[in-house]
Amino acid sequence: MTSIVILVILLVNHQELSSNCQRIAPGCVATLNFGIIVSVSTNLLRLHCIHLVPIMALQPSLRPLIIAGSHDAPHTLDIFLDYVCPFSAKIALAIDSILVPLFAKGGKYDGKVKVIFRNQVQPWHASSTWVHESGLAVARVSPENFWPFSLALFKRQGDFFDIPTSSLTPIQVRQKLAALAAEVIGGNSQDAVLNLITLKSSPNGGVDVTDDLKYTIKFSRQNGIHVSPTVLWDGLVANEISSSWGEKEWTEFLEKKVAV
């Protein structure tokens, strides 16, 4: 469930706000059963204003894009990455070596922080759409291999840069991507992935994961994300985070930011 923060000026004797809510005392912050956080600042209960702030938004079919931490962790790192961006590749490798162990079961921040991979298509690279389609296809075919495939694609991103793909047709590029997916997933996955990224009979209907791709692009646009990588901490852009960060910088950042 998507969590929503409600910032309220409350006026009524503290009591249950509805049959679905737990009892909370003035001056505290409580999570209600239906996934809403309410800050109560007074004994009185008249509602003057409500401001809704989405904490984590991800359609259920894209749950594999949570690449580290538990899906219900209270803190969220949204990381907008493009598979053919060298700086995205750099931060992706740091995420895997530094953050994933910290947020995994038994890690220092187990249950406290999750990382969401946000597909950031950069259309000035002709292949960007195709590589992101392949990532979304893998998320369907083998959800647990979305992140391993993403890492493999980042490591091989040079094969899909502008010049190497300039002499290939879109069909050939997609075939290469499906072959890479099969290297990661194994089995008969190549045909399954290729089927999801193959143009359909409609002249302008896209591929089977086009709607997922549209969702990721719309999410970036409505949040004003322009460059990759861009990192959000609990919904706000964290401009201080750099693709050059190592263990020291990430450790200091998390020690300062994690509040649960």
Foldseek 3Di string as FASTA:
>chain_A
DWAKEKEWAAFQAFDAPDPQADGDDAQDWDATPVRYIYHHHDRGGDTDDIDIDTQDDDPPLQVLQFPAADPPARKEKEWEAFLLDLLSLLLLVQCVVAVRQQQHVVHVCPSHYIYGYFYDQDVVWVCRVLLVLLLSLCCVVPSPCSSVLSNLSSVVSVCRGRVNCVPPDSLVVNLVSLVSSCVRPPDPSSVSSSQQQDDDPPPPDGGNCVVVVVVSHVVCVVLVNDDPTWIDISSHTDVVDGSPDHNVVVVVVCVVPGDD
